[in-house]
Amino acid sequence: MPSQWEDRKKPHRNIVFIGHVDHGKSTTVGRLLLDSG
């Protein structure tokens, strides 16, 4: 029986956000996650 990770159909990407405090990193990541589903 395949595990839940083996039968994923969507490709994945690792993304890193680097920036100063209070420059909207969390807001940007939250919006990207919301838009991508």
PDB file of N, CA and C in Angstrom:
ATOM      1  N   MET A   1       0.854  -1.176   0.000  1.00  0.00           N
ATOM      2  CA  MET A   1       0.000   0.000   0.000  1.00  0.00           C
ATOM      3  C   MET A   1       0.900   1.241   0.000  1.00  0.00           C
ATOM      4  N   PRO A   2       0.731   2.150  -0.973  1.00  0.00           N
ATOM      5  CA  PRO A   2       1.581   3.351  -1.011  1.00  0.00           C
ATOM      6  C   PRO A   2       1.268   4.301   0.137  1.00  0.00           C
ATOM      7  N   SER A   3       2.292   4.943   0.619  1.00  0.00           N
ATOM      8  CA  SER A   3       2.083   5.916   1.690  1.00  0.00           C
ATOM      9  C   SER A   3       1.461   7.181   1.121  1.00  0.00           C
ATOM     10  N   GLN A   4       1.017   8.060   1.995  1.00  0.00           N
ATOM     11  CA  GLN A   4       0.378   9.303   1.547  1.00  0.00           C
ATOM     12  C   GLN A   4       1.337  10.199   0.783  1.00  0.00           C
ATOM     13  N   TRP A   5       2.640  10.020   0.979  1.00  0.00           N
ATOM     14  CA  TRP A   5       3.616  10.876   0.302  1.00  0.00           C
ATOM     15  C   TRP A   5       3.946  10.361  -1.094  1.00  0.00           C
ATOM     16  N   GLU A   6       3.792   9.073  -1.321  1.00  0.00           N
ATOM     17  CA  GLU A   6       4.152   8.507  -2.613  1.00  0.00           C
ATOM     18  C   GLU A   6       3.140   8.811  -3.705  1.00  0.00           C
ATOM     19  N   ASP A   7       1.875   8.983  -3.346  1.00  0.00           N
ATOM     20  CA  ASP A   7       0.853   9.168  -4.371  1.00  0.00           C
ATOM     21  C   ASP A   7       0.420  10.630  -4.525  1.00  0.00           C
ATOM     22  N   ARG A   8       1.267  11.550  -4.151  1.00  0.00           N
ATOM     23  CA  ARG A   8       0.955  12.972  -4.333  1.00  0.00           C
ATOM     24  C   ARG A   8       1.073  13.328  -5.804  1.00  0.00           C
ATOM     25  N   LYS A   9       0.128  14.098  -6.296  1.00  0.00           N
ATOM     26  CA  LYS A   9       0.124  14.463  -7.703  1.00  0.00           C
ATOM     27  C   LYS A   9       0.718  15.844  -7.947  1.00  0.00           C
ATOM     28  N   LYS A  10       0.642  16.741  -6.978  1.00  0.00           N
ATOM     29  CA  LYS A  10       1.170  18.093  -7.153  1.00  0.00           C
ATOM     30  C   LYS A  10       2.673  18.114  -6.890  1.00  0.00           C
ATOM     31  N   PRO A  11       3.424  18.795  -7.749  1.00  0.00           N
ATOM     32  CA  PRO A  11       4.850  18.952  -7.452  1.00  0.00           C
ATOM     33  C   PRO A  11       5.039  19.895  -6.262  1.00  0.00           C
ATOM     34  N   HIS A  12       6.126  19.772  -5.571  1.00  0.00           N
ATOM     35  CA  HIS A  12       6.372  20.654  -4.428  1.00  0.00           C
ATOM     36  C   HIS A  12       7.673  21.414  -4.632  1.00  0.00           C
ATOM     37  N   ARG A  13       7.781  22.525  -3.920  1.00  0.00           N
ATOM     38  CA  ARG A  13       8.974  23.365  -3.987  1.00  0.00           C
ATOM     39  C   ARG A  13       9.332  23.805  -2.573  1.00  0.00           C
ATOM     40  N   ASN A  14      10.613  23.956  -2.347  1.00  0.00           N
ATOM     41  CA  ASN A  14      11.104  24.514  -1.091  1.00  0.00           C
ATOM     42  C   ASN A  14      11.468  25.967  -1.346  1.00  0.00           C
ATOM     43  N   ILE A  15      10.873  26.863  -0.572  1.00  0.00           N
ATOM     44  CA  ILE A  15      11.085  28.296  -0.749  1.00  0.00           C
ATOM     45  C   ILE A  15      11.536  28.885   0.583  1.00  0.00           C
ATOM     46  N   VAL A  16      12.511  29.770   0.538  1.00  0.00           N
ATOM     47  CA  VAL A  16      13.016  30.431   1.741  1.00  0.00           C
ATOM     48  C   VAL A  16      12.795  31.928   1.606  1.00  0.00           C
ATOM     49  N   PHE A  17      12.249  32.544   2.651  1.00  0.00           N
ATOM     50  CA  PHE A  17      12.066  33.994   2.692  1.00  0.00           C
ATOM     51  C   PHE A  17      12.983  34.554   3.769  1.00  0.00           C
ATOM     52  N   ILE A  18      13.806  35.491   3.382  1.00  0.00           N
ATOM     53  CA  ILE A  18      14.731  36.133   4.314  1.00  0.00           C
ATOM     54  C   ILE A  18      14.445  37.627   4.290  1.00  0.00           C
ATOM     55  N   GLY A  19      14.378  38.238   5.468  1.00  0.00           N
ATOM     56  CA  GLY A  19      14.148  39.671   5.510  1.00  0.00           C
ATOM     57  C   GLY A  19      14.183  40.190   6.933  1.00  0.00           C
ATOM     58  N   HIS A  20      14.117  41.482   7.044  1.00  0.00           N
ATOM     59  CA  HIS A  20      14.133  42.134   8.347  1.00  0.00           C
ATOM     60  C   HIS A  20      12.784  41.971   9.043  1.00  0.00           C
ATOM     61  N   VAL A  21      12.774  42.259  10.328  1.00  0.00           N
ATOM     62  CA  VAL A  21      11.562  42.185  11.132  1.00  0.00           C
ATOM     63  C   VAL A  21      10.535  43.185  10.607  1.00  0.00           C
ATOM     64  N   ASP A  22       9.272  42.797  10.632  1.00  0.00           N
ATOM     65  CA  ASP A  22       8.142  43.660  10.246  1.00  0.00           C
ATOM     66  C   ASP A  22       8.207  44.129   8.797  1.00  0.00           C
ATOM     67  N   HIS A  23       8.645  43.240   7.904  1.00  0.00           N
ATOM     68  CA  HIS A  23       8.660  43.595   6.486  1.00  0.00           C
ATOM     69  C   HIS A  23       7.715  42.734   5.665  1.00  0.00           C
ATOM     70  N   GLY A  24       6.784  42.022   6.320  1.00  0.00           N
ATOM     71  CA  GLY A  24       5.730  41.321   5.605  1.00  0.00           C
ATOM     72  C   GLY A  24       6.040  39.909   5.150  1.00  0.00           C
ATOM     73  N   LYS A  25       7.025  39.256   5.747  1.00  0.00           N
ATOM     74  CA  LYS A  25       7.359  37.889   5.331  1.00  0.00           C
ATOM     75  C   LYS A  25       6.202  36.938   5.605  1.00  0.00           C
ATOM     76  N   SER A  26       5.657  36.957   6.783  1.00  0.00           N
ATOM     77  CA  SER A  26       4.562  36.056   7.132  1.00  0.00           C
ATOM     78  C   SER A  26       3.319  36.352   6.311  1.00  0.00           C
ATOM     79  N   THR A  27       3.050  37.604   6.068  1.00  0.00           N
ATOM     80  CA  THR A  27       1.903  37.985   5.248  1.00  0.00           C
ATOM     81  C   THR A  27       2.065  37.467   3.826  1.00  0.00           C
ATOM     82  N   THR A  28       3.256  37.591   3.273  1.00  0.00           N
ATOM     83  CA  THR A  28       3.521  37.115   1.915  1.00  0.00           C
ATOM     84  C   THR A  28       3.372  35.603   1.827  1.00  0.00           C
ATOM     85  N   VAL A  29       3.948  34.876   2.778  1.00  0.00           N
ATOM     86  CA  VAL A  29       3.858  33.419   2.776  1.00  0.00           C
ATOM     87  C   VAL A  29       2.411  32.979   2.964  1.00  0.00           C
ATOM     88  N   GLY A  30       1.695  33.621   3.861  1.00  0.00           N
ATOM     89  CA  GLY A  30       0.290  33.292   4.068  1.00  0.00           C
ATOM     90  C   GLY A  30      -0.533  33.487   2.816  1.00  0.00           C
ATOM     91  N   ARG A  31      -0.280  34.566   2.116  1.00  0.00           N
ATOM     92  CA  ARG A  31      -1.008  34.834   0.876  1.00  0.00           C
ATOM     93  C   ARG A  31      -0.669  33.811  -0.207  1.00  0.00           C
ATOM     94  N   LEU A  32       0.603  33.446  -0.322  1.00  0.00           N
ATOM     95  CA  LEU A  32       1.003  32.425  -1.298  1.00  0.00           C
ATOM     96  C   LEU A  32       0.337  31.080  -1.002  1.00  0.00           C
ATOM     97  N   LEU A  33       0.284  30.699   0.268  1.00  0.00           N
ATOM     98  CA  LEU A  33      -0.374  29.447   0.634  1.00  0.00           C
ATOM     99  C   LEU A  33      -1.866  29.500   0.349  1.00  0.00           C
ATOM    100  N   LEU A  34      -2.483  30.621   0.620  1.00  0.00           N
ATOM    101  CA  LEU A  34      -3.911  30.775   0.354  1.00  0.00           C
ATOM    102  C   LEU A  34      -4.202  30.684  -1.135  1.00  0.00           C
ATOM    103  N   ASP A  35      -3.394  31.339  -1.940  1.00  0.00           N
ATOM    104  CA  ASP A  35      -3.610  31.346  -3.386  1.00  0.00           C
ATOM    105  C   ASP A  35      -3.288  30.003  -4.038  1.00  0.00           C
ATOM    106  N   SER A  36      -2.334  29.268  -3.482  1.00  0.00           N
ATOM    107  CA  SER A  36      -1.916  28.015  -4.116  1.00  0.00           C
ATOM    108  C   SER A  36      -2.800  26.829  -3.742  1.00  0.00           C
ATOM    109  N   GLY A  37      -3.588  26.992  -2.706  1.00  0.00           N
ATOM    110  CA  GLY A  37      -4.499  25.910  -2.330  1.00  0.00           C
ATOM    111  C   GLY A  37      -3.889  25.037  -1.348  1.00  0.00           C
TER     112      GLY A  37
END
